[in-house]
């Protein structure tokens, strides 16, 4: 997921969101190796590499990023390497590239990706529902046309925070019995349910968000990406995350806070026996884009940046985090029902 947005009004110029703020946090002029967890159009990686003492390891699940990666590598030989992997596979990076000074998660999509009709991310496109960003097991079409009414309702409610999830799921089941649902048909179904709704955002926005999150397993990718980033980064290393909707931000906020607050091992133990903090949270509130950035690049208005510094190594810390978001992970695992349908 790429926080970089390309603006129509600016001839599709490249705008890495909150770039100045990130550079200020990681201080690349002092050198170091950084992991850019979503290469996308290369905005963060190129900016970091503009400082001569830096190295960048870039990841992206979207294979179309190979071309951009090759261009960056040609200009930065021995200072840049690309992995076509997901967040949850960040621990596959070869140890020879360590130590790592900072890990940057950017959780949006580029204008180029959204407007690509083959990806089927936008409700403005026509044709089949896809939404696969790479290294996927199923498409949005399979979800909408195969999963049960109850399953669709849960996906729309929890991943899209869609208030009309029940009505939309019911209408989908009715309509797909007549003909397989594509992008255009799904938008019509949603519009028929949300006739007199608030027009500040498109009626289909939340359902499409929910499907995209489900198809790409964005919840578990973020959760395990954060867990593994703490496990692999060195003490004093920075973990930075830029999110674009409330569900993502809620996960990041809880993760950083839970690992930066002292917790008792047990209420029966003496007060001094506490778990070590894994992280130090620098700011409790997120960093937001400036008015100038929003004016230049409107999609950046929903961005929130949070970051923390690793201060201790602890072998096991993830149980509480996984338990907190167990419901979301269970809903994400509904995709396994598709295996039973097809196999």
C-alpha atoms as a PDB file:
ATOM      1  CA  UNK A   1       0.000   0.000   0.000  1.00  0.00           C
ATOM      2  CA  UNK A   2       1.536   3.220  -1.044  1.00  0.00           C
ATOM      3  CA  UNK A   3       1.001   6.587   0.617  1.00  0.00           C
ATOM      4  CA  UNK A   4       2.214   8.314  -2.530  1.00  0.00           C
ATOM      5  CA  UNK A   5      -0.542  10.098  -4.468  1.00  0.00           C
ATOM      6  CA  UNK A   6      -0.382  11.394  -8.008  1.00  0.00           C
ATOM      7  CA  UNK A   7      -2.463  14.495  -8.624  1.00  0.00           C
ATOM      8  CA  UNK A   8      -4.542  15.066 -11.780  1.00  0.00           C
ATOM      9  CA  UNK A   9      -4.102  18.806 -11.430  1.00  0.00           C
ATOM     10  CA  UNK A  10      -0.329  18.561 -11.322  1.00  0.00           C
ATOM     11  CA  UNK A  11       0.150  16.432 -14.479  1.00  0.00           C
ATOM     12  CA  UNK A  12       0.495  13.364 -12.260  1.00  0.00           C
ATOM     13  CA  UNK A  13       3.575  14.646 -10.463  1.00  0.00           C
ATOM     14  CA  UNK A  14       4.935  12.461  -7.698  1.00  0.00           C
ATOM     15  CA  UNK A  15       3.953  13.350  -4.117  1.00  0.00           C
ATOM     16  CA  UNK A  16       5.248  11.156  -1.291  1.00  0.00           C
ATOM     17  CA  UNK A  17       2.951  12.056   1.622  1.00  0.00           C
ATOM     18  CA  UNK A  18       4.531  13.657   4.719  1.00  0.00           C
ATOM     19  CA  UNK A  19       7.971  13.270   3.142  1.00  0.00           C
ATOM     20  CA  UNK A  20       9.578  16.269   4.877  1.00  0.00           C
ATOM     21  CA  UNK A  21       8.315  15.081   8.242  1.00  0.00           C
ATOM     22  CA  UNK A  22       9.697  11.582   7.660  1.00  0.00           C
ATOM     23  CA  UNK A  23      13.106  12.901   6.575  1.00  0.00           C
ATOM     24  CA  UNK A  24      13.213  15.057   9.683  1.00  0.00           C
ATOM     25  CA  UNK A  25      12.523  12.010  11.868  1.00  0.00           C
ATOM     26  CA  UNK A  26      15.040   9.619  10.277  1.00  0.00           C
ATOM     27  CA  UNK A  27      17.875  12.167   9.684  1.00  0.00           C
ATOM     28  CA  UNK A  28      19.273  10.513   6.516  1.00  0.00           C
ATOM     29  CA  UNK A  29      22.115  13.062   6.291  1.00  0.00           C
ATOM     30  CA  UNK A  30      23.749  11.043   9.070  1.00  0.00           C
ATOM     31  CA  UNK A  31      23.617   7.909   6.945  1.00  0.00           C
ATOM     32  CA  UNK A  32      22.242   4.458   7.706  1.00  0.00           C
ATOM     33  CA  UNK A  33      20.194   1.688   6.113  1.00  0.00           C
ATOM     34  CA  UNK A  34      16.432   2.109   5.843  1.00  0.00           C
ATOM     35  CA  UNK A  35      13.592  -0.201   4.826  1.00  0.00           C
ATOM     36  CA  UNK A  36      10.909   1.347   2.615  1.00  0.00           C
ATOM     37  CA  UNK A  37       8.083  -1.151   3.081  1.00  0.00           C
ATOM     38  CA  UNK A  38       6.177   0.044   0.000  1.00  0.00           C
ATOM     39  CA  UNK A  39       8.324   1.131  -2.915  1.00  0.00           C
ATOM     40  CA  UNK A  40       5.328   2.249  -5.014  1.00  0.00           C
ATOM     41  CA  UNK A  41       6.473   5.042  -7.315  1.00  0.00           C
ATOM     42  CA  UNK A  42       9.739   5.319  -5.393  1.00  0.00           C
ATOM     43  CA  UNK A  43       9.159   8.660  -3.657  1.00  0.00           C
ATOM     44  CA  UNK A  44      10.500   7.784  -0.211  1.00  0.00           C
ATOM     45  CA  UNK A  45      13.356   5.607  -1.497  1.00  0.00           C
ATOM     46  CA  UNK A  46      14.626   8.213  -3.967  1.00  0.00           C
ATOM     47  CA  UNK A  47      14.508  10.973  -1.355  1.00  0.00           C
ATOM     48  CA  UNK A  48      16.418   8.915   1.212  1.00  0.00           C
ATOM     49  CA  UNK A  49      19.027   7.892  -1.378  1.00  0.00           C
ATOM     50  CA  UNK A  50      19.614  11.537  -2.281  1.00  0.00           C
ATOM     51  CA  UNK A  51      21.728  11.576   0.897  1.00  0.00           C
ATOM     52  CA  UNK A  52      25.066   9.977  -0.002  1.00  0.00           C
ATOM     53  CA  UNK A  53      25.644   7.918   3.145  1.00  0.00           C
ATOM     54  CA  UNK A  54      22.328   6.057   3.013  1.00  0.00           C
ATOM     55  CA  UNK A  55      21.187   2.647   1.777  1.00  0.00           C
ATOM     56  CA  UNK A  56      17.615   1.540   1.097  1.00  0.00           C
ATOM     57  CA  UNK A  57      15.974  -1.865   1.113  1.00  0.00           C
ATOM     58  CA  UNK A  58      12.607  -1.491  -0.641  1.00  0.00           C
ATOM     59  CA  UNK A  59       9.679  -3.905  -0.528  1.00  0.00           C
ATOM     60  CA  UNK A  60       6.472  -4.092  -2.544  1.00  0.00           C
ATOM     61  CA  UNK A  61       3.978  -6.863  -3.213  1.00  0.00           C
ATOM     62  CA  UNK A  62       3.087  -5.266  -6.564  1.00  0.00           C
ATOM     63  CA  UNK A  63       5.330  -6.789  -9.244  1.00  0.00           C
ATOM     64  CA  UNK A  64       4.777  -3.749 -11.480  1.00  0.00           C
ATOM     65  CA  UNK A  65       7.239  -1.932  -9.196  1.00  0.00           C
ATOM     66  CA  UNK A  66      10.164  -3.886 -10.675  1.00  0.00           C
ATOM     67  CA  UNK A  67      10.603  -1.284 -13.415  1.00  0.00           C
ATOM     68  CA  UNK A  68      10.875   1.570 -10.906  1.00  0.00           C
ATOM     69  CA  UNK A  69      13.193  -0.532  -8.753  1.00  0.00           C
ATOM     70  CA  UNK A  70      15.498  -1.162 -11.720  1.00  0.00           C
ATOM     71  CA  UNK A  71      15.675   2.562 -12.489  1.00  0.00           C
ATOM     72  CA  UNK A  72      16.574   3.406  -8.891  1.00  0.00           C
ATOM     73  CA  UNK A  73      19.144   0.617  -8.700  1.00  0.00           C
ATOM     74  CA  UNK A  74      20.942   1.831 -11.846  1.00  0.00           C
ATOM     75  CA  UNK A  75      21.458   5.246 -10.253  1.00  0.00           C
ATOM     76  CA  UNK A  76      22.320   3.886  -6.800  1.00  0.00           C
ATOM     77  CA  UNK A  77      24.394   0.753  -7.312  1.00  0.00           C
ATOM     78  CA  UNK A  78      25.312  -1.072  -4.100  1.00  0.00           C
ATOM     79  CA  UNK A  79      23.003   1.286  -2.151  1.00  0.00           C
ATOM     80  CA  UNK A  80      19.590  -0.078  -3.151  1.00  0.00           C
ATOM     81  CA  UNK A  81      17.916  -3.489  -3.271  1.00  0.00           C
ATOM     82  CA  UNK A  82      14.313  -4.482  -4.004  1.00  0.00           C
ATOM     83  CA  UNK A  83      12.251  -7.390  -2.659  1.00  0.00           C
ATOM     84  CA  UNK A  84       8.908  -8.384  -4.200  1.00  0.00           C
ATOM     85  CA  UNK A  85       7.411  -9.441  -0.859  1.00  0.00           C
ATOM     86  CA  UNK A  86       4.635  -8.430   1.562  1.00  0.00           C
ATOM     87  CA  UNK A  87       4.901  -6.661   4.930  1.00  0.00           C
ATOM     88  CA  UNK A  88       4.540  -9.959   6.783  1.00  0.00           C
ATOM     89  CA  UNK A  89       7.653 -11.269   5.038  1.00  0.00           C
ATOM     90  CA  UNK A  90       9.940  -8.440   6.131  1.00  0.00           C
ATOM     91  CA  UNK A  91      12.007 -10.919   8.137  1.00  0.00           C
ATOM     92  CA  UNK A  92      13.105 -12.553   4.848  1.00  0.00           C
ATOM     93  CA  UNK A  93      15.549  -9.694   4.244  1.00  0.00           C
ATOM     94  CA  UNK A  94      19.104 -11.016   4.237  1.00  0.00           C
ATOM     95  CA  UNK A  95      21.046 -10.283   7.400  1.00  0.00           C
ATOM     96  CA  UNK A  96      23.991  -8.902   5.426  1.00  0.00           C
ATOM     97  CA  UNK A  97      22.038  -5.655   4.967  1.00  0.00           C
ATOM     98  CA  UNK A  98      21.711  -5.043   8.707  1.00  0.00           C
ATOM     99  CA  UNK A  99      21.810  -3.050  10.996  1.00  0.00           C
ATOM    100  CA  UNK A 100      18.619  -1.148  10.126  1.00  0.00           C
ATOM    101  CA  UNK A 101      18.238   2.466  11.250  1.00  0.00           C
ATOM    102  CA  UNK A 102      14.584   2.919  10.272  1.00  0.00           C
ATOM    103  CA  UNK A 103      11.577   1.059   8.861  1.00  0.00           C
ATOM    104  CA  UNK A 104       8.868   3.036   7.044  1.00  0.00           C
ATOM    105  CA  UNK A 105       5.359   1.685   6.443  1.00  0.00           C
ATOM    106  CA  UNK A 106       3.267   3.626   3.964  1.00  0.00           C
ATOM    107  CA  UNK A 107      -0.313   2.361   3.779  1.00  0.00           C
ATOM    108  CA  UNK A 108      -2.026   4.091   0.880  1.00  0.00           C
ATOM    109  CA  UNK A 109      -2.382   3.540  -2.855  1.00  0.00           C
ATOM    110  CA  UNK A 110      -0.961   5.606  -5.677  1.00  0.00           C
ATOM    111  CA  UNK A 111      -3.085   7.403  -8.227  1.00  0.00           C
ATOM    112  CA  UNK A 112      -1.513   5.139 -10.854  1.00  0.00           C
ATOM    113  CA  UNK A 113      -2.655   1.994  -9.029  1.00  0.00           C
ATOM    114  CA  UNK A 114      -6.161   3.311  -8.411  1.00  0.00           C
ATOM    115  CA  UNK A 115      -6.635   4.312 -12.050  1.00  0.00           C
ATOM    116  CA  UNK A 116      -5.257   1.026 -13.413  1.00  0.00           C
ATOM    117  CA  UNK A 117      -8.401  -0.769 -14.710  1.00  0.00           C
ATOM    118  CA  UNK A 118      -6.704  -4.173 -14.450  1.00  0.00           C
ATOM    119  CA  UNK A 119      -6.415  -3.793 -10.682  1.00  0.00           C
ATOM    120  CA  UNK A 120     -10.097  -2.907 -10.276  1.00  0.00           C
ATOM    121  CA  UNK A 121      -9.528  -0.754  -7.184  1.00  0.00           C
ATOM    122  CA  UNK A 122     -11.775   2.131  -8.203  1.00  0.00           C
ATOM    123  CA  UNK A 123     -15.567   2.249  -8.291  1.00  0.00           C
ATOM    124  CA  UNK A 124     -15.171   4.555 -11.307  1.00  0.00           C
ATOM    125  CA  UNK A 125     -13.785   1.716 -13.434  1.00  0.00           C
ATOM    126  CA  UNK A 126     -15.857  -0.761 -15.409  1.00  0.00           C
ATOM    127  CA  UNK A 127     -15.260  -4.482 -15.760  1.00  0.00           C
ATOM    128  CA  UNK A 128     -14.407  -7.313 -13.375  1.00  0.00           C
ATOM    129  CA  UNK A 129     -13.774  -6.828  -9.674  1.00  0.00           C
ATOM    130  CA  UNK A 130     -10.124  -7.595  -8.992  1.00  0.00           C
ATOM    131  CA  UNK A 131      -8.344  -5.540  -6.302  1.00  0.00           C
ATOM    132  CA  UNK A 132      -5.358  -7.919  -6.150  1.00  0.00           C
ATOM    133  CA  UNK A 133      -2.182  -5.969  -5.451  1.00  0.00           C
ATOM    134  CA  UNK A 134       0.146  -8.920  -5.944  1.00  0.00           C
ATOM    135  CA  UNK A 135       0.926 -12.207  -4.191  1.00  0.00           C
ATOM    136  CA  UNK A 136      -2.809 -12.808  -3.670  1.00  0.00           C
ATOM    137  CA  UNK A 137      -4.878 -15.969  -3.386  1.00  0.00           C
ATOM    138  CA  UNK A 138      -8.258 -14.644  -4.554  1.00  0.00           C
ATOM    139  CA  UNK A 139      -9.983 -11.613  -6.102  1.00  0.00           C
ATOM    140  CA  UNK A 140     -12.786  -9.291  -5.037  1.00  0.00           C
ATOM    141  CA  UNK A 141     -14.996 -10.917  -7.665  1.00  0.00           C
ATOM    142  CA  UNK A 142     -14.666 -14.294  -5.958  1.00  0.00           C
ATOM    143  CA  UNK A 143     -15.506 -12.702  -2.599  1.00  0.00           C
ATOM    144  CA  UNK A 144     -18.605 -10.862  -3.816  1.00  0.00           C
ATOM    145  CA  UNK A 145     -19.915 -13.708  -5.956  1.00  0.00           C
ATOM    146  CA  UNK A 146     -19.119 -16.662  -3.665  1.00  0.00           C
ATOM    147  CA  UNK A 147     -19.165 -15.785   0.033  1.00  0.00           C
ATOM    148  CA  UNK A 148     -22.388 -15.889   2.064  1.00  0.00           C
ATOM    149  CA  UNK A 149     -24.575 -12.936   3.006  1.00  0.00           C
ATOM    150  CA  UNK A 150     -23.392 -13.128   6.621  1.00  0.00           C
ATOM    151  CA  UNK A 151     -19.728 -13.180   5.600  1.00  0.00           C
ATOM    152  CA  UNK A 152     -20.123 -10.193   3.266  1.00  0.00           C
ATOM    153  CA  UNK A 153     -21.943  -8.266   5.983  1.00  0.00           C
ATOM    154  CA  UNK A 154     -19.066  -8.841   8.436  1.00  0.00           C
ATOM    155  CA  UNK A 155     -16.466  -7.757   5.866  1.00  0.00           C
ATOM    156  CA  UNK A 156     -18.348  -4.543   4.989  1.00  0.00           C
ATOM    157  CA  UNK A 157     -19.114  -3.727   8.632  1.00  0.00           C
ATOM    158  CA  UNK A 158     -15.694  -4.271  10.171  1.00  0.00           C
ATOM    159  CA  UNK A 159     -13.322  -3.462   7.304  1.00  0.00           C
ATOM    160  CA  UNK A 160     -15.347  -0.643   5.727  1.00  0.00           C
ATOM    161  CA  UNK A 161     -17.264   0.566   8.794  1.00  0.00           C
ATOM    162  CA  UNK A 162     -20.302   0.532   6.490  1.00  0.00           C
ATOM    163  CA  UNK A 163     -23.547   1.185   8.410  1.00  0.00           C
ATOM    164  CA  UNK A 164     -25.671  -0.338   5.656  1.00  0.00           C
ATOM    165  CA  UNK A 165     -23.588  -3.523   5.478  1.00  0.00           C
ATOM    166  CA  UNK A 166     -26.552  -5.833   6.118  1.00  0.00           C
ATOM    167  CA  UNK A 167     -28.760  -4.289   3.423  1.00  0.00           C
ATOM    168  CA  UNK A 168     -25.950  -4.213   0.861  1.00  0.00           C
ATOM    169  CA  UNK A 169     -24.983  -7.839   1.514  1.00  0.00           C
ATOM    170  CA  UNK A 170     -28.600  -8.944   1.162  1.00  0.00           C
ATOM    171  CA  UNK A 171     -28.999  -7.084  -2.138  1.00  0.00           C
ATOM    172  CA  UNK A 172     -25.780  -8.617  -3.470  1.00  0.00           C
ATOM    173  CA  UNK A 173     -27.056 -12.136  -2.802  1.00  0.00           C
ATOM    174  CA  UNK A 174     -30.313 -11.333  -4.594  1.00  0.00           C
ATOM    175  CA  UNK A 175     -28.648  -9.804  -7.655  1.00  0.00           C
ATOM    176  CA  UNK A 176     -25.876 -12.353  -8.083  1.00  0.00           C
ATOM    177  CA  UNK A 177     -28.459 -15.127  -8.393  1.00  0.00           C
ATOM    178  CA  UNK A 178     -29.405 -13.483 -11.704  1.00  0.00           C
ATOM    179  CA  UNK A 179     -25.962 -12.555 -13.040  1.00  0.00           C
ATOM    180  CA  UNK A 180     -22.375 -12.420 -11.781  1.00  0.00           C
ATOM    181  CA  UNK A 181     -21.578  -9.053 -10.223  1.00  0.00           C
ATOM    182  CA  UNK A 182     -18.871  -6.851 -11.739  1.00  0.00           C
ATOM    183  CA  UNK A 183     -17.634  -3.402 -10.669  1.00  0.00           C
ATOM    184  CA  UNK A 184     -20.402  -1.438 -12.371  1.00  0.00           C
ATOM    185  CA  UNK A 185     -23.126  -3.727 -11.014  1.00  0.00           C
ATOM    186  CA  UNK A 186     -21.773  -3.561  -7.474  1.00  0.00           C
ATOM    187  CA  UNK A 187     -21.815   0.248  -7.550  1.00  0.00           C
ATOM    188  CA  UNK A 188     -25.449   0.182  -8.733  1.00  0.00           C
ATOM    189  CA  UNK A 189     -26.380  -2.171  -5.893  1.00  0.00           C
ATOM    190  CA  UNK A 190     -24.756   0.088  -3.302  1.00  0.00           C
ATOM    191  CA  UNK A 191     -26.394   3.209  -4.767  1.00  0.00           C
ATOM    192  CA  UNK A 192     -29.810   1.511  -4.710  1.00  0.00           C
ATOM    193  CA  UNK A 193     -29.414   0.881  -0.970  1.00  0.00           C
ATOM    194  CA  UNK A 194     -27.934   4.279  -0.058  1.00  0.00           C
ATOM    195  CA  UNK A 195     -30.331   6.498  -2.040  1.00  0.00           C
ATOM    196  CA  UNK A 196     -30.530   9.490   0.284  1.00  0.00           C
ATOM    197  CA  UNK A 197     -27.193   9.206   2.059  1.00  0.00           C
ATOM    198  CA  UNK A 198     -24.569  11.858   2.766  1.00  0.00           C
ATOM    199  CA  UNK A 199     -22.854  12.818  -0.468  1.00  0.00           C
ATOM    200  CA  UNK A 200     -19.553  13.958   1.066  1.00  0.00           C
ATOM    201  CA  UNK A 201     -18.041  10.653   0.005  1.00  0.00           C
ATOM    202  CA  UNK A 202     -19.120   8.309  -2.772  1.00  0.00           C
ATOM    203  CA  UNK A 203     -21.661   5.697  -1.680  1.00  0.00           C
ATOM    204  CA  UNK A 204     -19.349   2.878  -2.747  1.00  0.00           C
ATOM    205  CA  UNK A 205     -16.228   4.110  -0.930  1.00  0.00           C
ATOM    206  CA  UNK A 206     -16.569   2.040   2.245  1.00  0.00           C
ATOM    207  CA  UNK A 207     -17.568  -1.216   0.551  1.00  0.00           C
ATOM    208  CA  UNK A 208     -14.672  -0.941  -1.904  1.00  0.00           C
ATOM    209  CA  UNK A 209     -12.316  -0.176   0.976  1.00  0.00           C
ATOM    210  CA  UNK A 210     -13.562  -3.256   2.820  1.00  0.00           C
ATOM    211  CA  UNK A 211     -13.105  -5.522  -0.205  1.00  0.00           C
ATOM    212  CA  UNK A 212      -9.604  -4.173  -0.871  1.00  0.00           C
ATOM    213  CA  UNK A 213      -8.591  -4.771   2.750  1.00  0.00           C
ATOM    214  CA  UNK A 214     -10.038  -8.285   2.695  1.00  0.00           C
ATOM    215  CA  UNK A 215      -8.584  -9.328  -0.675  1.00  0.00           C
ATOM    216  CA  UNK A 216      -5.089  -8.120   0.232  1.00  0.00           C
ATOM    217  CA  UNK A 217      -5.284  -9.293   3.855  1.00  0.00           C
ATOM    218  CA  UNK A 218      -4.259  -5.812   4.887  1.00  0.00           C
ATOM    219  CA  UNK A 219      -5.098  -6.362   8.557  1.00  0.00           C
ATOM    220  CA  UNK A 220      -2.788  -9.330   9.117  1.00  0.00           C
ATOM    221  CA  UNK A 221      -0.157  -7.827   6.806  1.00  0.00           C
ATOM    222  CA  UNK A 222      -0.023  -4.669   8.929  1.00  0.00           C
ATOM    223  CA  UNK A 223      -0.166  -6.526  12.239  1.00  0.00           C
ATOM    224  CA  UNK A 224       2.560  -9.040  11.397  1.00  0.00           C
ATOM    225  CA  UNK A 225       4.572  -6.407   9.561  1.00  0.00           C
ATOM    226  CA  UNK A 226       4.683  -4.291  12.721  1.00  0.00           C
ATOM    227  CA  UNK A 227       5.494  -7.287  14.937  1.00  0.00           C
ATOM    228  CA  UNK A 228       8.339  -8.451  12.697  1.00  0.00           C
ATOM    229  CA  UNK A 229       9.686  -4.928  12.259  1.00  0.00           C
ATOM    230  CA  UNK A 230      10.201  -4.706  16.024  1.00  0.00           C
ATOM    231  CA  UNK A 231      11.811  -8.137  16.032  1.00  0.00           C
ATOM    232  CA  UNK A 232      14.360  -7.371  13.301  1.00  0.00           C
ATOM    233  CA  UNK A 233      15.239  -3.719  13.890  1.00  0.00           C
ATOM    234  CA  UNK A 234      18.157  -2.820  16.132  1.00  0.00           C
ATOM    235  CA  UNK A 235      17.926  -0.942  19.411  1.00  0.00           C
ATOM    236  CA  UNK A 236      17.505   2.800  18.761  1.00  0.00           C
ATOM    237  CA  UNK A 237      15.972   2.024  15.367  1.00  0.00           C
ATOM    238  CA  UNK A 238      12.873   3.905  14.228  1.00  0.00           C
ATOM    239  CA  UNK A 239       9.546   2.422  13.139  1.00  0.00           C
ATOM    240  CA  UNK A 240       7.336   4.831  11.197  1.00  0.00           C
ATOM    241  CA  UNK A 241       3.810   4.258   9.864  1.00  0.00           C
ATOM    242  CA  UNK A 242       1.629   6.486   7.675  1.00  0.00           C
ATOM    243  CA  UNK A 243      -2.038   5.440   7.613  1.00  0.00           C
ATOM    244  CA  UNK A 244      -5.027   6.692   5.640  1.00  0.00           C
ATOM    245  CA  UNK A 245      -8.134   5.417   7.409  1.00  0.00           C
ATOM    246  CA  UNK A 246      -9.281   4.909  10.996  1.00  0.00           C
ATOM    247  CA  UNK A 247      -8.956   1.116  11.078  1.00  0.00           C
ATOM    248  CA  UNK A 248      -5.274   1.213  10.136  1.00  0.00           C
ATOM    249  CA  UNK A 249      -4.567   4.070  12.521  1.00  0.00           C
ATOM    250  CA  UNK A 250      -6.310   2.268  15.382  1.00  0.00           C
ATOM    251  CA  UNK A 251      -4.036  -0.760  14.938  1.00  0.00           C
ATOM    252  CA  UNK A 252      -0.857   1.335  14.717  1.00  0.00           C
ATOM    253  CA  UNK A 253      -1.824   3.521  17.679  1.00  0.00           C
ATOM    254  CA  UNK A 254      -2.527   0.524  19.914  1.00  0.00           C
ATOM    255  CA  UNK A 255       0.670  -1.236  18.853  1.00  0.00           C
ATOM    256  CA  UNK A 256       2.933   1.704  19.617  1.00  0.00           C
ATOM    257  CA  UNK A 257       1.222   2.591  22.872  1.00  0.00           C
ATOM    258  CA  UNK A 258       1.005  -0.975  24.199  1.00  0.00           C
ATOM    259  CA  UNK A 259       4.725  -1.515  23.657  1.00  0.00           C
ATOM    260  CA  UNK A 260       5.716   1.843  25.117  1.00  0.00           C
ATOM    261  CA  UNK A 261       3.774   1.649  28.390  1.00  0.00           C
ATOM    262  CA  UNK A 262       4.970  -0.315  31.402  1.00  0.00           C
ATOM    263  CA  UNK A 263       2.698  -3.216  32.260  1.00  0.00           C
ATOM    264  CA  UNK A 264       2.699  -5.442  35.317  1.00  0.00           C
ATOM    265  CA  UNK A 265       3.468  -9.099  34.702  1.00  0.00           C
ATOM    266  CA  UNK A 266       0.765  -9.947  37.261  1.00  0.00           C
ATOM    267  CA  UNK A 267      -1.270  -8.065  39.804  1.00  0.00           C
ATOM    268  CA  UNK A 268       0.030 -10.528  42.410  1.00  0.00           C
ATOM    269  CA  UNK A 269       3.668  -9.578  41.806  1.00  0.00           C
ATOM    270  CA  UNK A 270       5.447  -6.680  43.526  1.00  0.00           C
ATOM    271  CA  UNK A 271       5.182  -3.297  41.822  1.00  0.00           C
ATOM    272  CA  UNK A 272       8.811  -3.418  40.713  1.00  0.00           C
ATOM    273  CA  UNK A 273       8.368  -6.573  38.664  1.00  0.00           C
ATOM    274  CA  UNK A 274       7.206  -5.123  35.376  1.00  0.00           C
ATOM    275  CA  UNK A 275       7.822  -5.923  31.743  1.00  0.00           C
ATOM    276  CA  UNK A 276      10.367  -3.745  29.985  1.00  0.00           C
ATOM    277  CA  UNK A 277       9.072  -1.263  27.464  1.00  0.00           C
ATOM    278  CA  UNK A 278       9.940  -2.364  23.947  1.00  0.00           C
ATOM    279  CA  UNK A 279       9.382   1.050  22.341  1.00  0.00           C
ATOM    280  CA  UNK A 280       9.575   4.702  23.286  1.00  0.00           C
ATOM    281  CA  UNK A 281       6.735   6.726  21.830  1.00  0.00           C
ATOM    282  CA  UNK A 282       7.938  10.205  20.905  1.00  0.00           C
ATOM    283  CA  UNK A 283       4.516  11.785  20.376  1.00  0.00           C
ATOM    284  CA  UNK A 284       1.147  10.485  21.530  1.00  0.00           C
ATOM    285  CA  UNK A 285      -0.740  12.373  18.847  1.00  0.00           C
ATOM    286  CA  UNK A 286      -0.198  11.678  15.136  1.00  0.00           C
ATOM    287  CA  UNK A 287       1.620  14.063  12.828  1.00  0.00           C
ATOM    288  CA  UNK A 288      -0.729  15.439  10.171  1.00  0.00           C
ATOM    289  CA  UNK A 289      -0.040  17.000   6.759  1.00  0.00           C
ATOM    290  CA  UNK A 290       0.359  20.767   6.663  1.00  0.00           C
ATOM    291  CA  UNK A 291      -2.211  23.013   5.014  1.00  0.00           C
ATOM    292  CA  UNK A 292       0.314  23.619   2.237  1.00  0.00           C
ATOM    293  CA  UNK A 293       0.695  19.904   1.531  1.00  0.00           C
ATOM    294  CA  UNK A 294      -3.059  19.317   1.514  1.00  0.00           C
ATOM    295  CA  UNK A 295      -3.510  22.225  -0.889  1.00  0.00           C
ATOM    296  CA  UNK A 296      -0.892  20.734  -3.209  1.00  0.00           C
ATOM    297  CA  UNK A 297      -2.091  17.147  -2.819  1.00  0.00           C
ATOM    298  CA  UNK A 298      -5.687  16.791  -1.570  1.00  0.00           C
ATOM    299  CA  UNK A 299      -5.619  13.002  -0.962  1.00  0.00           C
ATOM    300  CA  UNK A 300      -2.969  13.585   1.714  1.00  0.00           C
ATOM    301  CA  UNK A 301      -5.593  15.170   3.992  1.00  0.00           C
ATOM    302  CA  UNK A 302      -6.481  11.818   5.594  1.00  0.00           C
ATOM    303  CA  UNK A 303      -2.873  10.817   6.339  1.00  0.00           C
ATOM    304  CA  UNK A 304      -1.642  10.240   9.904  1.00  0.00           C
ATOM    305  CA  UNK A 305       1.977   9.577  10.806  1.00  0.00           C
ATOM    306  CA  UNK A 306       3.000   7.797  14.007  1.00  0.00           C
ATOM    307  CA  UNK A 307       6.474   6.643  15.005  1.00  0.00           C
ATOM    308  CA  UNK A 308       8.440   5.113  17.859  1.00  0.00           C
ATOM    309  CA  UNK A 309      12.002   4.115  18.777  1.00  0.00           C
ATOM    310  CA  UNK A 310      12.953   0.590  19.810  1.00  0.00           C
ATOM    311  CA  UNK A 311      14.640   0.689  23.223  1.00  0.00           C
ATOM    312  CA  UNK A 312      14.667  -2.952  24.374  1.00  0.00           C
ATOM    313  CA  UNK A 313      14.771  -6.488  23.011  1.00  0.00           C
ATOM    314  CA  UNK A 314      12.047  -8.786  24.312  1.00  0.00           C
ATOM    315  CA  UNK A 315      11.564 -12.251  22.855  1.00  0.00           C
ATOM    316  CA  UNK A 316       7.773 -12.472  23.171  1.00  0.00           C
ATOM    317  CA  UNK A 317       5.506  -9.428  23.153  1.00  0.00           C
ATOM    318  CA  UNK A 318       2.909 -10.080  20.447  1.00  0.00           C
ATOM    319  CA  UNK A 319       0.216 -12.082  22.309  1.00  0.00           C
ATOM    320  CA  UNK A 320      -1.633  -9.048  23.677  1.00  0.00           C
ATOM    321  CA  UNK A 321      -1.517  -7.329  20.297  1.00  0.00           C
ATOM    322  CA  UNK A 322      -2.917 -10.346  18.439  1.00  0.00           C
ATOM    323  CA  UNK A 323      -5.633 -10.823  21.056  1.00  0.00           C
ATOM    324  CA  UNK A 324      -6.715  -7.179  20.762  1.00  0.00           C
ATOM    325  CA  UNK A 325      -7.452  -7.566  17.038  1.00  0.00           C
ATOM    326  CA  UNK A 326      -8.497 -11.217  17.069  1.00  0.00           C
ATOM    327  CA  UNK A 327     -11.978 -10.414  15.728  1.00  0.00           C
ATOM    328  CA  UNK A 328     -10.560  -8.665  12.663  1.00  0.00           C
ATOM    329  CA  UNK A 329      -8.152 -11.529  12.017  1.00  0.00           C
ATOM    330  CA  UNK A 330     -11.014 -14.034  12.277  1.00  0.00           C
ATOM    331  CA  UNK A 331     -13.037 -12.086   9.699  1.00  0.00           C
ATOM    332  CA  UNK A 332     -10.020 -11.928   7.406  1.00  0.00           C
ATOM    333  CA  UNK A 333      -9.775 -15.717   7.625  1.00  0.00           C
ATOM    334  CA  UNK A 334     -13.217 -16.089   6.053  1.00  0.00           C
ATOM    335  CA  UNK A 335     -11.313 -16.325   2.764  1.00  0.00           C
ATOM    336  CA  UNK A 336     -10.645 -19.983   3.615  1.00  0.00           C
ATOM    337  CA  UNK A 337     -14.253 -20.722   2.721  1.00  0.00           C
ATOM    338  CA  UNK A 338     -13.350 -19.902  -0.880  1.00  0.00           C
ATOM    339  CA  UNK A 339     -10.948 -22.861  -0.890  1.00  0.00           C
ATOM    340  CA  UNK A 340     -13.847 -25.172   0.000  1.00  0.00           C
ATOM    341  CA  UNK A 341     -15.951 -23.689  -2.791  1.00  0.00           C
ATOM    342  CA  UNK A 342     -13.294 -24.037  -5.484  1.00  0.00           C
ATOM    343  CA  UNK A 343     -11.492 -27.128  -4.311  1.00  0.00           C
END
